[in-house]
Amino acid sequence: MFILNSFNLWNSSSTPDIKRHMYLEITKASSICDESMTNYQPHLNSINKFVKKYKKLLIFQSQNIKL
């Protein structure tokens, strides 16, 4: 569920800056998870917070795009 939401957010992102931030955050969390699979939940929680933080911004941007 989390991964699906992340990909949906990624695909709806219209700015390279937000994609860069998302990439760095997900890469950081996944590398930490690879080192210690027994303690991965806090890192997934931090990504979820990040996704929620930028979701409002992405919705705002999508409403302002003129087709």
PDB file of N, CA and C in Angstrom:
ATOM      1  N   MET A   1       0.825  -1.195   0.000  1.00  0.00           N
ATOM      2  CA  MET A   1       0.000   0.000   0.000  1.00  0.00           C
ATOM      3  C   MET A   1       0.867   1.255   0.000  1.00  0.00           C
ATOM      4  N   PHE A   2       1.865   1.265   0.887  1.00  0.00           N
ATOM      5  CA  PHE A   2       2.755   2.424   0.959  1.00  0.00           C
ATOM      6  C   PHE A   2       3.482   2.653  -0.360  1.00  0.00           C
ATOM      7  N   ILE A   3       4.016   1.577  -0.937  1.00  0.00           N
ATOM      8  CA  ILE A   3       4.765   1.709  -2.186  1.00  0.00           C
ATOM      9  C   ILE A   3       3.862   2.200  -3.302  1.00  0.00           C
ATOM     10  N   LEU A   4       2.654   1.691  -3.377  1.00  0.00           N
ATOM     11  CA  LEU A   4       1.705   2.139  -4.395  1.00  0.00           C
ATOM     12  C   LEU A   4       1.416   3.629  -4.244  1.00  0.00           C
ATOM     13  N   ASN A   5       1.197   4.090  -3.019  1.00  0.00           N
ATOM     14  CA  ASN A   5       0.954   5.510  -2.784  1.00  0.00           C
ATOM     15  C   ASN A   5       2.158   6.348  -3.179  1.00  0.00           C
ATOM     16  N   SER A   6       3.349   5.838  -2.916  1.00  0.00           N
ATOM     17  CA  SER A   6       4.561   6.573  -3.278  1.00  0.00           C
ATOM     18  C   SER A   6       4.685   6.719  -4.784  1.00  0.00           C
ATOM     19  N   PHE A   7       4.392   5.642  -5.522  1.00  0.00           N
ATOM     20  CA  PHE A   7       4.481   5.724  -6.975  1.00  0.00           C
ATOM     21  C   PHE A   7       3.414   6.644  -7.552  1.00  0.00           C
ATOM     22  N   ASN A   8       2.214   6.610  -6.975  1.00  0.00           N
ATOM     23  CA  ASN A   8       1.170   7.522  -7.435  1.00  0.00           C
ATOM     24  C   ASN A   8       1.574   8.964  -7.201  1.00  0.00           C
ATOM     25  N   LEU A   9       2.154   9.231  -6.049  1.00  0.00           N
ATOM     26  CA  LEU A   9       2.614  10.577  -5.741  1.00  0.00           C
ATOM     27  C   LEU A   9       3.743  10.978  -6.679  1.00  0.00           C
ATOM     28  N   TRP A  10       4.651  10.046  -6.937  1.00  0.00           N
ATOM     29  CA  TRP A  10       5.769  10.318  -7.841  1.00  0.00           C
ATOM     30  C   TRP A  10       5.255  10.677  -9.230  1.00  0.00           C
ATOM     31  N   ASN A  11       4.325   9.894  -9.751  1.00  0.00           N
ATOM     32  CA  ASN A  11       3.810  10.125 -11.097  1.00  0.00           C
ATOM     33  C   ASN A  11       3.014  11.414 -11.201  1.00  0.00           C
ATOM     34  N   SER A  12       2.398  11.843 -10.122  1.00  0.00           N
ATOM     35  CA  SER A  12       1.606  13.066 -10.166  1.00  0.00           C
ATOM     36  C   SER A  12       2.455  14.309  -9.917  1.00  0.00           C
ATOM     37  N   SER A  13       3.703  14.108  -9.537  1.00  0.00           N
ATOM     38  CA  SER A  13       4.574  15.248  -9.256  1.00  0.00           C
ATOM     39  C   SER A  13       4.939  15.963 -10.545  1.00  0.00           C
ATOM     40  N   SER A  14       4.790  17.280 -10.519  1.00  0.00           N
ATOM     41  CA  SER A  14       5.048  18.039 -11.740  1.00  0.00           C
ATOM     42  C   SER A  14       6.367  18.795 -11.695  1.00  0.00           C
ATOM     43  N   THR A  15       7.048  18.782 -10.559  1.00  0.00           N
ATOM     44  CA  THR A  15       8.295  19.537 -10.471  1.00  0.00           C
ATOM     45  C   THR A  15       9.472  18.609 -10.198  1.00  0.00           C
ATOM     46  N   PRO A  16      10.577  18.827 -10.892  1.00  0.00           N
ATOM     47  CA  PRO A  16      11.774  18.003 -10.672  1.00  0.00           C
ATOM     48  C   PRO A  16      12.306  18.123  -9.247  1.00  0.00           C
ATOM     49  N   ASP A  17      12.119  19.289  -8.620  1.00  0.00           N
ATOM     50  CA  ASP A  17      12.628  19.501  -7.274  1.00  0.00           C
ATOM     51  C   ASP A  17      11.963  18.561  -6.274  1.00  0.00           C
ATOM     52  N   ILE A  18      10.651  18.402  -6.391  1.00  0.00           N
ATOM     53  CA  ILE A  18       9.936  17.500  -5.487  1.00  0.00           C
ATOM     54  C   ILE A  18      10.352  16.059  -5.755  1.00  0.00           C
ATOM     55  N   LYS A  19      10.509  15.697  -7.021  1.00  0.00           N
ATOM     56  CA  LYS A  19      10.950  14.332  -7.340  1.00  0.00           C
ATOM     57  C   LYS A  19      12.344  14.068  -6.784  1.00  0.00           C
ATOM     58  N   ARG A  20      13.210  15.067  -6.847  1.00  0.00           N
ATOM     59  CA  ARG A  20      14.566  14.905  -6.318  1.00  0.00           C
ATOM     60  C   ARG A  20      14.515  14.674  -4.809  1.00  0.00           C
ATOM     61  N   HIS A  21      13.707  15.460  -4.099  1.00  0.00           N
ATOM     62  CA  HIS A  21      13.573  15.283  -2.653  1.00  0.00           C
ATOM     63  C   HIS A  21      13.012  13.906  -2.325  1.00  0.00           C
ATOM     64  N   MET A  22      12.002  13.480  -3.074  1.00  0.00           N
ATOM     65  CA  MET A  22      11.414  12.162  -2.837  1.00  0.00           C
ATOM     66  C   MET A  22      12.441  11.068  -3.085  1.00  0.00           C
ATOM     67  N   TYR A  23      13.198  11.185  -4.165  1.00  0.00           N
ATOM     68  CA  TYR A  23      14.209  10.181  -4.496  1.00  0.00           C
ATOM     69  C   TYR A  23      15.240  10.074  -3.374  1.00  0.00           C
ATOM     70  N   LEU A  24      15.723  11.211  -2.896  1.00  0.00           N
ATOM     71  CA  LEU A  24      16.730  11.202  -1.839  1.00  0.00           C
ATOM     72  C   LEU A  24      16.182  10.584  -0.556  1.00  0.00           C
ATOM     73  N   GLU A  25      14.952  10.925  -0.215  1.00  0.00           N
ATOM     74  CA  GLU A  25      14.354  10.403   1.016  1.00  0.00           C
ATOM     75  C   GLU A  25      14.129   8.897   0.928  1.00  0.00           C
ATOM     76  N   ILE A  26      13.612   8.437  -0.202  1.00  0.00           N
ATOM     77  CA  ILE A  26      13.351   7.007  -0.378  1.00  0.00           C
ATOM     78  C   ILE A  26      14.662   6.226  -0.453  1.00  0.00           C
ATOM     79  N   THR A  27      15.666   6.776  -1.123  1.00  0.00           N
ATOM     80  CA  THR A  27      16.970   6.122  -1.216  1.00  0.00           C
ATOM     81  C   THR A  27      17.609   5.997   0.157  1.00  0.00           C
ATOM     82  N   LYS A  28      17.542   7.075   0.930  1.00  0.00           N
ATOM     83  CA  LYS A  28      18.114   7.061   2.274  1.00  0.00           C
ATOM     84  C   LYS A  28      17.440   5.995   3.132  1.00  0.00           C
ATOM     85  N   ALA A  29      16.126   5.962   3.105  1.00  0.00           N
ATOM     86  CA  ALA A  29      15.392   4.998   3.927  1.00  0.00           C
ATOM     87  C   ALA A  29      15.640   3.567   3.467  1.00  0.00           C
ATOM     88  N   SER A  30      15.697   3.344   2.155  1.00  0.00           N
ATOM     89  CA  SER A  30      15.894   1.976   1.672  1.00  0.00           C
ATOM     90  C   SER A  30      17.297   1.477   1.979  1.00  0.00           C
ATOM     91  N   SER A  31      18.301   2.357   1.947  1.00  0.00           N
ATOM     92  CA  SER A  31      19.656   1.915   2.278  1.00  0.00           C
ATOM     93  C   SER A  31      19.763   1.577   3.760  1.00  0.00           C
ATOM     94  N   ILE A  32      19.067   2.348   4.588  1.00  0.00           N
ATOM     95  CA  ILE A  32      19.059   2.031   6.017  1.00  0.00           C
ATOM     96  C   ILE A  32      18.336   0.712   6.255  1.00  0.00           C
ATOM     97  N   CYS A  33      17.238   0.500   5.534  1.00  0.00           N
ATOM     98  CA  CYS A  33      16.480  -0.752   5.674  1.00  0.00           C
ATOM     99  C   CYS A  33      17.319  -1.949   5.253  1.00  0.00           C
ATOM    100  N   ASP A  34      18.127  -1.785   4.209  1.00  0.00           N
ATOM    101  CA  ASP A  34      18.977  -2.880   3.754  1.00  0.00           C
ATOM    102  C   ASP A  34      19.981  -3.276   4.828  1.00  0.00           C
ATOM    103  N   GLU A  35      20.472  -2.282   5.591  1.00  0.00           N
ATOM    104  CA  GLU A  35      21.452  -2.566   6.628  1.00  0.00           C
ATOM    105  C   GLU A  35      20.828  -3.305   7.809  1.00  0.00           C
ATOM    106  N   SER A  36      19.589  -3.000   8.112  1.00  0.00           N
ATOM    107  CA  SER A  36      18.954  -3.604   9.279  1.00  0.00           C
ATOM    108  C   SER A  36      17.471  -3.836   9.032  1.00  0.00           C
ATOM    109  N   MET A  37      17.147  -4.997   8.498  1.00  0.00           N
ATOM    110  CA  MET A  37      15.755  -5.293   8.172  1.00  0.00           C
ATOM    111  C   MET A  37      14.894  -5.457   9.425  1.00  0.00           C
ATOM    112  N   THR A  38      15.528  -5.648  10.573  1.00  0.00           N
ATOM    113  CA  THR A  38      14.745  -5.827  11.794  1.00  0.00           C
ATOM    114  C   THR A  38      14.188  -4.510  12.318  1.00  0.00           C
ATOM    115  N   ASN A  39      14.709  -3.397  11.827  1.00  0.00           N
ATOM    116  CA  ASN A  39      14.279  -2.102  12.352  1.00  0.00           C
ATOM    117  C   ASN A  39      13.885  -1.169  11.213  1.00  0.00           C
ATOM    118  N   TYR A  40      13.042  -1.632  10.306  1.00  0.00           N
ATOM    119  CA  TYR A  40      12.695  -0.832   9.135  1.00  0.00           C
ATOM    120  C   TYR A  40      11.470   0.050   9.333  1.00  0.00           C
ATOM    121  N   GLN A  41      10.612  -0.263  10.292  1.00  0.00           N
ATOM    122  CA  GLN A  41       9.353   0.475  10.446  1.00  0.00           C
ATOM    123  C   GLN A  41       9.546   1.976  10.698  1.00  0.00           C
ATOM    124  N   PRO A  42      10.484   2.401  11.541  1.00  0.00           N
ATOM    125  CA  PRO A  42      10.655   3.847  11.737  1.00  0.00           C
ATOM    126  C   PRO A  42      11.015   4.583  10.447  1.00  0.00           C
ATOM    127  N   HIS A  43      11.742   3.926   9.563  1.00  0.00           N
ATOM    128  CA  HIS A  43      12.138   4.569   8.315  1.00  0.00           C
ATOM    129  C   HIS A  43      10.959   4.664   7.360  1.00  0.00           C
ATOM    130  N   LEU A  44      10.113   3.652   7.345  1.00  0.00           N
ATOM    131  CA  LEU A  44       8.896   3.734   6.537  1.00  0.00           C
ATOM    132  C   LEU A  44       7.984   4.831   7.072  1.00  0.00           C
ATOM    133  N   ASN A  45       7.948   4.973   8.382  1.00  0.00           N
ATOM    134  CA  ASN A  45       7.143   6.036   8.979  1.00  0.00           C
ATOM    135  C   ASN A  45       7.655   7.404   8.559  1.00  0.00           C
ATOM    136  N   SER A  46       8.974   7.568   8.487  1.00  0.00           N
ATOM    137  CA  SER A  46       9.519   8.865   8.081  1.00  0.00           C
ATOM    138  C   SER A  46       9.190   9.165   6.623  1.00  0.00           C
ATOM    139  N   ILE A  47       9.173   8.143   5.773  1.00  0.00           N
ATOM    140  CA  ILE A  47       8.794   8.363   4.373  1.00  0.00           C
ATOM    141  C   ILE A  47       7.314   8.710   4.286  1.00  0.00           C
ATOM    142  N   ASN A  48       6.491   8.037   5.081  1.00  0.00           N
ATOM    143  CA  ASN A  48       5.064   8.354   5.079  1.00  0.00           C
ATOM    144  C   ASN A  48       4.818   9.800   5.484  1.00  0.00           C
ATOM    145  N   LYS A  49       5.553  10.290   6.474  1.00  0.00           N
ATOM    146  CA  LYS A  49       5.426  11.690   6.882  1.00  0.00           C
ATOM    147  C   LYS A  49       5.834  12.609   5.739  1.00  0.00           C
ATOM    148  N   PHE A  50       6.905  12.232   5.050  1.00  0.00           N
ATOM    149  CA  PHE A  50       7.383  13.026   3.919  1.00  0.00           C
ATOM    150  C   PHE A  50       6.332  13.084   2.817  1.00  0.00           C
ATOM    151  N   VAL A  51       5.730  11.935   2.512  1.00  0.00           N
ATOM    152  CA  VAL A  51       4.707  11.872   1.465  1.00  0.00           C
ATOM    153  C   VAL A  51       3.515  12.749   1.840  1.00  0.00           C
ATOM    154  N   LYS A  52       3.091  12.674   3.082  1.00  0.00           N
ATOM    155  CA  LYS A  52       1.962  13.498   3.522  1.00  0.00           C
ATOM    156  C   LYS A  52       2.301  14.983   3.431  1.00  0.00           C
ATOM    157  N   LYS A  53       3.555  15.320   3.746  1.00  0.00           N
ATOM    158  CA  LYS A  53       3.980  16.719   3.722  1.00  0.00           C
ATOM    159  C   LYS A  53       3.878  17.304   2.317  1.00  0.00           C
ATOM    160  N   TYR A  54       4.273  16.538   1.319  1.00  0.00           N
ATOM    161  CA  TYR A  54       4.285  17.053  -0.050  1.00  0.00           C
ATOM    162  C   TYR A  54       2.996  16.796  -0.816  1.00  0.00           C
ATOM    163  N   LYS A  55       2.129  15.978  -0.275  1.00  0.00           N
ATOM    164  CA  LYS A  55       0.891  15.665  -0.985  1.00  0.00           C
ATOM    165  C   LYS A  55       0.031  16.914  -1.173  1.00  0.00           C
ATOM    166  N   LYS A  56      -0.076  17.732  -0.143  1.00  0.00           N
ATOM    167  CA  LYS A  56      -0.861  18.966  -0.244  1.00  0.00           C
ATOM    168  C   LYS A  56      -0.266  19.893  -1.292  1.00  0.00           C
ATOM    169  N   LEU A  57       1.050  19.982  -1.325  1.00  0.00           N
ATOM    170  CA  LEU A  57       1.714  20.830  -2.316  1.00  0.00           C
ATOM    171  C   LEU A  57       1.437  20.335  -3.725  1.00  0.00           C
ATOM    172  N   LEU A  58       1.480  19.031  -3.932  1.00  0.00           N
ATOM    173  CA  LEU A  58       1.228  18.477  -5.260  1.00  0.00           C
ATOM    174  C   LEU A  58      -0.214  18.703  -5.692  1.00  0.00           C
ATOM    175  N   ILE A  59      -1.137  18.570  -4.764  1.00  0.00           N
ATOM    176  CA  ILE A  59      -2.548  18.827  -5.089  1.00  0.00           C
ATOM    177  C   ILE A  59      -2.724  20.283  -5.477  1.00  0.00           C
ATOM    178  N   PHE A  60      -2.096  21.173  -4.733  1.00  0.00           N
ATOM    179  CA  PHE A  60      -2.183  22.600  -5.038  1.00  0.00           C
ATOM    180  C   PHE A  60      -1.612  22.885  -6.425  1.00  0.00           C
ATOM    181  N   GLN A  61      -0.466  22.291  -6.742  1.00  0.00           N
ATOM    182  CA  GLN A  61       0.151  22.500  -8.051  1.00  0.00           C
ATOM    183  C   GLN A  61      -0.736  21.970  -9.165  1.00  0.00           C
ATOM    184  N   SER A  62      -1.318  20.810  -8.967  1.00  0.00           N
ATOM    185  CA  SER A  62      -2.139  20.219 -10.025  1.00  0.00           C
ATOM    186  C   SER A  62      -3.387  21.053 -10.282  1.00  0.00           C
ATOM    187  N   GLN A  63      -3.884  21.730  -9.280  1.00  0.00           N
ATOM    188  CA  GLN A  63      -5.054  22.584  -9.465  1.00  0.00           C
ATOM    189  C   GLN A  63      -4.706  23.857 -10.227  1.00  0.00           C
ATOM    190  N   ASN A  64      -3.445  24.246 -10.184  1.00  0.00           N
ATOM    191  CA  ASN A  64      -3.024  25.479 -10.839  1.00  0.00           C
ATOM    192  C   ASN A  64      -2.479  25.269 -12.248  1.00  0.00           C
ATOM    193  N   ILE A  65      -2.417  24.017 -12.690  1.00  0.00           N
ATOM    194  CA  ILE A  65      -1.923  23.732 -14.043  1.00  0.00           C
ATOM    195  C   ILE A  65      -3.037  24.010 -15.040  1.00  0.00           C
ATOM    196  N   LYS A  66      -2.718  24.798 -16.048  1.00  0.00           N
ATOM    197  CA  LYS A  66      -3.715  25.109 -17.077  1.00  0.00           C
ATOM    198  C   LYS A  66      -3.508  24.177 -18.262  1.00  0.00           C
ATOM    199  N   LEU A  67      -4.552  23.494 -18.639  1.00  0.00           N
ATOM    200  CA  LEU A  67      -4.459  22.553 -19.764  1.00  0.00           C
ATOM    201  C   LEU A  67      -4.814  23.237 -21.060  1.00  0.00           C
TER     202      LEU A  67
END
